Amino acid sequence: MAGGAESCTDLLRCMYNLTDLDMQVLQLLLKEGPARAEDLADRLGRDRSTVYRSLQKMVSCQVVSKEARSLERGGYYHIYTSVPRDLLKDRLSHCIEEWHSRVSSLLENFDEDLDSI
């Protein structure tokens, strides 16, 4: 497969530009369910700010969702949840279809683009 993608995990990495840490965080959320950034950092043996950046990236990609929860004594914290597998699959499929459409459009102008070099 192009770009070395041989599994669905590889497709996720490629289409969303996910790092090894991003994938570790996502896999943990998929296996163990919703969690706070601090808890994920502890489980992965990583700094909280590093895990937080990974979570923010995946929230922006809509691979992970973030929910604010209130503390009894005031304040709040965030819980991160992976999107359901079927939704993740649908979103990945949509990304691939969009990519295919863009690449097909580029290929229509292949000769003209090469001639302009």
N, C-alpha and C. Protein backbone atom coordinates (compact mmCIF):
# COMPACT_ATOMS: atom_id res chain seq x y z
N MET A 1 0.84 -1.18 0.00
CA MET A 1 0.00 0.00 0.00
C MET A 1 0.89 1.25 0.00
N ALA A 2 0.43 2.32 -0.60
CA ALA A 2 1.22 3.55 -0.72
C ALA A 2 1.59 4.11 0.64
N GLY A 3 2.82 4.62 0.73
CA GLY A 3 3.27 5.27 1.96
C GLY A 3 3.52 4.31 3.09
N GLY A 4 3.54 3.02 2.82
CA GLY A 4 3.82 2.04 3.85
C GLY A 4 2.62 1.72 4.73
N ALA A 5 1.42 2.20 4.39
CA ALA A 5 0.23 1.91 5.19
C ALA A 5 -0.19 0.47 4.95
N GLU A 6 -0.16 -0.32 6.00
CA GLU A 6 -0.50 -1.74 5.88
C GLU A 6 -1.63 -2.14 6.81
N SER A 7 -2.09 -1.22 7.65
CA SER A 7 -3.17 -1.53 8.58
C SER A 7 -4.04 -0.30 8.78
N CYS A 8 -5.16 -0.49 9.43
CA CYS A 8 -6.04 0.64 9.74
C CYS A 8 -5.35 1.62 10.68
N THR A 9 -4.50 1.12 11.55
CA THR A 9 -3.72 1.99 12.44
C THR A 9 -2.82 2.90 11.61
N ASP A 10 -2.20 2.34 10.57
CA ASP A 10 -1.36 3.14 9.68
C ASP A 10 -2.19 4.21 8.97
N LEU A 11 -3.41 3.86 8.57
CA LEU A 11 -4.29 4.84 7.92
C LEU A 11 -4.62 5.98 8.88
N LEU A 12 -4.92 5.65 10.13
CA LEU A 12 -5.20 6.69 11.12
C LEU A 12 -4.00 7.61 11.28
N ARG A 13 -2.83 7.01 11.41
CA ARG A 13 -1.60 7.80 11.55
C ARG A 13 -1.43 8.75 10.37
N CYS A 14 -1.61 8.22 9.18
CA CYS A 14 -1.38 8.98 7.95
C CYS A 14 -2.43 10.08 7.75
N MET A 15 -3.68 9.75 7.85
CA MET A 15 -4.74 10.70 7.54
C MET A 15 -4.86 11.81 8.59
N TYR A 16 -4.53 11.51 9.84
CA TYR A 16 -4.63 12.52 10.90
C TYR A 16 -3.27 12.99 11.40
N ASN A 17 -2.21 12.51 10.76
CA ASN A 17 -0.85 12.88 11.14
C ASN A 17 -0.59 12.60 12.63
N LEU A 18 -0.95 11.40 13.07
CA LEU A 18 -0.80 11.03 14.48
C LEU A 18 0.58 10.45 14.75
N THR A 19 1.13 10.83 15.88
CA THR A 19 2.44 10.34 16.31
C THR A 19 2.29 9.03 17.09
N ASP A 20 3.41 8.44 17.46
CA ASP A 20 3.36 7.24 18.30
C ASP A 20 2.64 7.52 19.60
N LEU A 21 2.93 8.66 20.22
CA LEU A 21 2.25 9.01 21.47
C LEU A 21 0.75 9.18 21.25
N ASP A 22 0.38 9.87 20.19
CA ASP A 22 -1.05 10.04 19.88
C ASP A 22 -1.73 8.68 19.80
N MET A 23 -1.09 7.75 19.12
CA MET A 23 -1.68 6.42 18.96
C MET A 23 -1.76 5.69 20.30
N GLN A 24 -0.75 5.85 21.14
CA GLN A 24 -0.79 5.22 22.47
C GLN A 24 -1.93 5.78 23.30
N VAL A 25 -2.10 7.09 23.25
CA VAL A 25 -3.20 7.73 23.99
C VAL A 25 -4.54 7.24 23.45
N LEU A 26 -4.69 7.25 22.14
CA LEU A 26 -5.95 6.82 21.52
C LEU A 26 -6.25 5.36 21.87
N GLN A 27 -5.26 4.50 21.76
CA GLN A 27 -5.47 3.09 22.07
C GLN A 27 -5.88 2.89 23.53
N LEU A 28 -5.29 3.66 24.42
CA LEU A 28 -5.64 3.58 25.84
C LEU A 28 -7.08 4.02 26.05
N LEU A 29 -7.49 5.10 25.40
CA LEU A 29 -8.87 5.57 25.52
C LEU A 29 -9.85 4.55 24.92
N LEU A 30 -9.48 3.94 23.81
CA LEU A 30 -10.35 2.94 23.19
C LEU A 30 -10.49 1.71 24.09
N LYS A 31 -9.41 1.30 24.73
CA LYS A 31 -9.43 0.09 25.57
C LYS A 31 -10.04 0.32 26.94
N GLU A 32 -9.70 1.46 27.56
CA GLU A 32 -10.07 1.67 28.96
C GLU A 32 -11.16 2.69 29.17
N GLY A 33 -11.54 3.41 28.13
CA GLY A 33 -12.62 4.37 28.25
C GLY A 33 -12.15 5.76 28.66
N PRO A 34 -13.09 6.64 28.97
CA PRO A 34 -12.80 8.04 29.27
C PRO A 34 -11.78 8.20 30.40
N ALA A 35 -10.96 9.26 30.28
CA ALA A 35 -9.93 9.49 31.29
C ALA A 35 -9.51 10.96 31.29
N ARG A 36 -8.91 11.37 32.39
CA ARG A 36 -8.33 12.72 32.50
C ARG A 36 -6.91 12.67 31.92
N ALA A 37 -6.41 13.81 31.49
CA ALA A 37 -5.06 13.89 30.94
C ALA A 37 -4.03 13.40 31.96
N GLU A 38 -4.23 13.77 33.22
CA GLU A 38 -3.29 13.36 34.27
C GLU A 38 -3.22 11.84 34.41
N ASP A 39 -4.38 11.21 34.34
CA ASP A 39 -4.43 9.74 34.47
C ASP A 39 -3.76 9.06 33.28
N LEU A 40 -4.00 9.59 32.10
CA LEU A 40 -3.36 9.03 30.90
C LEU A 40 -1.85 9.21 30.97
N ALA A 41 -1.41 10.38 31.43
CA ALA A 41 0.03 10.64 31.56
C ALA A 41 0.66 9.65 32.53
N ASP A 42 0.01 9.41 33.65
CA ASP A 42 0.52 8.45 34.64
C ASP A 42 0.61 7.05 34.04
N ARG A 43 -0.45 6.63 33.34
CA ARG A 43 -0.47 5.28 32.75
C ARG A 43 0.62 5.10 31.70
N LEU A 44 0.91 6.18 30.97
CA LEU A 44 1.89 6.10 29.89
C LEU A 44 3.30 6.49 30.34
N GLY A 45 3.43 6.96 31.56
CA GLY A 45 4.73 7.38 32.05
C GLY A 45 5.27 8.60 31.32
N ARG A 46 4.38 9.49 30.95
CA ARG A 46 4.75 10.70 30.21
C ARG A 46 4.34 11.94 30.99
N ASP A 47 4.93 13.07 30.62
CA ASP A 47 4.58 14.33 31.25
C ASP A 47 3.16 14.72 30.88
N ARG A 48 2.44 15.30 31.85
CA ARG A 48 1.04 15.67 31.62
C ARG A 48 0.90 16.64 30.46
N SER A 49 1.80 17.62 30.35
CA SER A 49 1.69 18.62 29.28
C SER A 49 1.88 17.97 27.90
N THR A 50 2.71 16.95 27.82
CA THR A 50 2.93 16.24 26.56
C THR A 50 1.66 15.49 26.15
N VAL A 51 1.06 14.81 27.12
CA VAL A 51 -0.18 14.08 26.84
C VAL A 51 -1.30 15.06 26.53
N TYR A 52 -1.34 16.18 27.23
CA TYR A 52 -2.36 17.20 26.97
C TYR A 52 -2.27 17.71 25.54
N ARG A 53 -1.06 17.99 25.05
CA ARG A 53 -0.89 18.44 23.66
C ARG A 53 -1.38 17.39 22.67
N SER A 54 -1.10 16.13 22.98
CA SER A 54 -1.57 15.05 22.12
C SER A 54 -3.10 15.01 22.10
N LEU A 55 -3.71 15.15 23.26
CA LEU A 55 -5.17 15.15 23.36
C LEU A 55 -5.77 16.33 22.61
N GLN A 56 -5.18 17.51 22.76
CA GLN A 56 -5.69 18.69 22.07
C GLN A 56 -5.63 18.50 20.55
N LYS A 57 -4.56 17.91 20.08
CA LYS A 57 -4.42 17.63 18.65
C LYS A 57 -5.54 16.70 18.18
N MET A 58 -5.79 15.64 18.95
CA MET A 58 -6.81 14.68 18.55
C MET A 58 -8.23 15.23 18.71
N VAL A 59 -8.42 16.15 19.66
CA VAL A 59 -9.72 16.82 19.78
C VAL A 59 -9.95 17.67 18.53
N SER A 60 -8.92 18.39 18.08
CA SER A 60 -9.06 19.22 16.88
C SER A 60 -9.32 18.38 15.63
N CYS A 61 -8.83 17.15 15.61
CA CYS A 61 -9.05 16.22 14.49
C CYS A 61 -10.38 15.47 14.62
N GLN A 62 -11.06 15.67 15.73
CA GLN A 62 -12.33 14.99 16.05
C GLN A 62 -12.18 13.48 16.20
N VAL A 63 -11.00 13.07 16.68
CA VAL A 63 -10.74 11.67 16.98
C VAL A 63 -11.06 11.41 18.45
N VAL A 64 -10.93 12.46 19.26
CA VAL A 64 -11.18 12.41 20.70
C VAL A 64 -12.11 13.57 21.04
N SER A 65 -13.00 13.35 22.01
CA SER A 65 -13.85 14.44 22.48
C SER A 65 -13.45 14.84 23.89
N LYS A 66 -13.77 16.07 24.26
CA LYS A 66 -13.41 16.61 25.57
C LYS A 66 -14.67 17.12 26.24
N GLU A 67 -14.84 16.75 27.51
CA GLU A 67 -16.02 17.17 28.27
C GLU A 67 -15.56 17.77 29.59
N ALA A 68 -16.07 18.94 29.92
CA ALA A 68 -15.76 19.57 31.20
C ALA A 68 -16.69 19.01 32.27
N ARG A 69 -16.13 18.70 33.42
CA ARG A 69 -16.91 18.23 34.56
C ARG A 69 -16.59 19.10 35.77
N SER A 70 -17.63 19.39 36.54
CA SER A 70 -17.48 20.26 37.71
C SER A 70 -16.98 19.49 38.92
N LEU A 71 -16.18 20.20 39.71
CA LEU A 71 -15.73 19.67 40.99
C LEU A 71 -16.71 20.14 42.07
N GLU A 72 -16.92 19.33 43.11
CA GLU A 72 -17.87 19.69 44.16
C GLU A 72 -17.51 21.00 44.84
N ARG A 73 -16.24 21.26 45.03
CA ARG A 73 -15.79 22.47 45.73
C ARG A 73 -15.48 23.62 44.79
N GLY A 74 -15.96 23.54 43.59
CA GLY A 74 -15.70 24.59 42.61
C GLY A 74 -14.61 24.17 41.65
N GLY A 75 -14.61 24.79 40.50
CA GLY A 75 -13.64 24.45 39.48
C GLY A 75 -14.16 23.34 38.57
N TYR A 76 -13.30 22.91 37.71
CA TYR A 76 -13.68 21.85 36.77
C TYR A 76 -12.44 21.10 36.30
N TYR A 77 -12.68 20.00 35.62
CA TYR A 77 -11.62 19.22 34.99
C TYR A 77 -12.18 18.66 33.70
N HIS A 78 -11.30 18.16 32.85
CA HIS A 78 -11.73 17.62 31.56
C HIS A 78 -11.58 16.11 31.53
N ILE A 79 -12.55 15.49 30.90
CA ILE A 79 -12.52 14.05 30.62
C ILE A 79 -12.43 13.90 29.11
N TYR A 80 -11.52 13.05 28.67
CA TYR A 80 -11.31 12.80 27.25
C TYR A 80 -11.82 11.42 26.90
N THR A 81 -12.50 11.34 25.77
CA THR A 81 -13.09 10.09 25.31
C THR A 81 -12.79 9.91 23.84
N SER A 82 -12.41 8.71 23.45
CA SER A 82 -12.26 8.45 22.01
C SER A 82 -13.65 8.43 21.39
N VAL A 83 -13.74 8.86 20.15
CA VAL A 83 -15.03 8.74 19.48
C VAL A 83 -15.30 7.25 19.29
N PRO A 84 -16.57 6.85 19.21
CA PRO A 84 -16.86 5.43 19.01
C PRO A 84 -16.18 4.89 17.75
N ARG A 85 -15.80 3.63 17.82
CA ARG A 85 -15.06 3.01 16.71
C ARG A 85 -15.78 3.15 15.37
N ASP A 86 -17.11 2.97 15.35
CA ASP A 86 -17.83 3.07 14.09
C ASP A 86 -17.79 4.48 13.53
N LEU A 87 -17.86 5.49 14.41
CA LEU A 87 -17.76 6.88 13.96
C LEU A 87 -16.34 7.19 13.48
N LEU A 88 -15.36 6.67 14.20
CA LEU A 88 -13.96 6.84 13.79
C LEU A 88 -13.74 6.24 12.41
N LYS A 89 -14.30 5.07 12.19
CA LYS A 89 -14.19 4.40 10.88
C LYS A 89 -14.86 5.23 9.79
N ASP A 90 -16.06 5.77 10.08
CA ASP A 90 -16.77 6.59 9.10
C ASP A 90 -15.98 7.86 8.78
N ARG A 91 -15.42 8.51 9.81
CA ARG A 91 -14.65 9.73 9.59
C ARG A 91 -13.38 9.44 8.79
N LEU A 92 -12.74 8.33 9.09
CA LEU A 92 -11.54 7.95 8.35
C LEU A 92 -11.89 7.67 6.89
N SER A 93 -12.98 6.99 6.67
CA SER A 93 -13.43 6.70 5.31
C SER A 93 -13.72 7.99 4.55
N HIS A 94 -14.35 8.94 5.22
CA HIS A 94 -14.65 10.24 4.60
C HIS A 94 -13.36 10.98 4.24
N CYS A 95 -12.38 10.97 5.14
CA CYS A 95 -11.09 11.61 4.87
C CYS A 95 -10.42 11.00 3.66
N ILE A 96 -10.46 9.69 3.57
CA ILE A 96 -9.84 8.99 2.45
C ILE A 96 -10.54 9.34 1.14
N GLU A 97 -11.88 9.40 1.18
CA GLU A 97 -12.64 9.77 -0.02
C GLU A 97 -12.30 11.19 -0.46
N GLU A 98 -12.21 12.13 0.50
CA GLU A 98 -11.84 13.51 0.16
C GLU A 98 -10.43 13.56 -0.44
N TRP A 99 -9.50 12.84 0.18
CA TRP A 99 -8.13 12.80 -0.32
C TRP A 99 -8.11 12.25 -1.74
N HIS A 100 -8.82 11.16 -1.97
CA HIS A 100 -8.87 10.55 -3.30
C HIS A 100 -9.42 11.53 -4.33
N SER A 101 -10.44 12.25 -3.96
CA SER A 101 -11.04 13.21 -4.88
C SER A 101 -10.05 14.33 -5.22
N ARG A 102 -9.33 14.84 -4.21
CA ARG A 102 -8.34 15.91 -4.45
C ARG A 102 -7.20 15.41 -5.34
N VAL A 103 -6.71 14.21 -5.05
CA VAL A 103 -5.61 13.66 -5.84
C VAL A 103 -6.06 13.38 -7.27
N SER A 104 -7.26 12.89 -7.44
CA SER A 104 -7.78 12.65 -8.79
C SER A 104 -7.86 13.94 -9.59
N SER A 105 -8.28 15.02 -8.92
CA SER A 105 -8.34 16.32 -9.59
C SER A 105 -6.94 16.79 -10.00
N LEU A 106 -5.98 16.58 -9.14
CA LEU A 106 -4.60 16.95 -9.48
C LEU A 106 -4.09 16.17 -10.68
N LEU A 107 -4.42 14.89 -10.71
CA LEU A 107 -3.94 14.06 -11.82
C LEU A 107 -4.53 14.45 -13.16
N GLU A 108 -5.69 15.09 -13.14
CA GLU A 108 -6.29 15.55 -14.40
C GLU A 108 -5.40 16.59 -15.08
N ASN A 109 -4.62 17.30 -14.28
CA ASN A 109 -3.73 18.34 -14.81
C ASN A 109 -2.27 17.89 -14.81
N PHE A 110 -2.03 16.62 -14.78
CA PHE A 110 -0.69 16.07 -14.65
C PHE A 110 0.26 16.60 -15.72
N ASP A 111 -0.12 16.47 -16.99
CA ASP A 111 0.76 16.87 -18.10
C ASP A 111 1.04 18.37 -18.07
N GLU A 112 0.00 19.17 -17.85
CA GLU A 112 0.19 20.62 -17.82
C GLU A 112 1.12 21.03 -16.68
N ASP A 113 0.93 20.42 -15.52
CA ASP A 113 1.77 20.74 -14.37
C ASP A 113 3.22 20.37 -14.63
N LEU A 114 3.45 19.21 -15.23
CA LEU A 114 4.85 18.80 -15.51
C LEU A 114 5.47 19.70 -16.57
N ASP A 115 4.70 20.14 -17.53
CA ASP A 115 5.21 21.01 -18.59
C ASP A 115 5.60 22.39 -18.04
N SER A 116 4.98 22.79 -16.94
CA SER A 116 5.24 24.13 -16.39
C SER A 116 6.46 24.17 -15.48
N ILE A 117 7.11 23.03 -15.29
CA ILE A 117 8.31 22.97 -14.44
C ILE A 117 9.50 23.55 -15.14
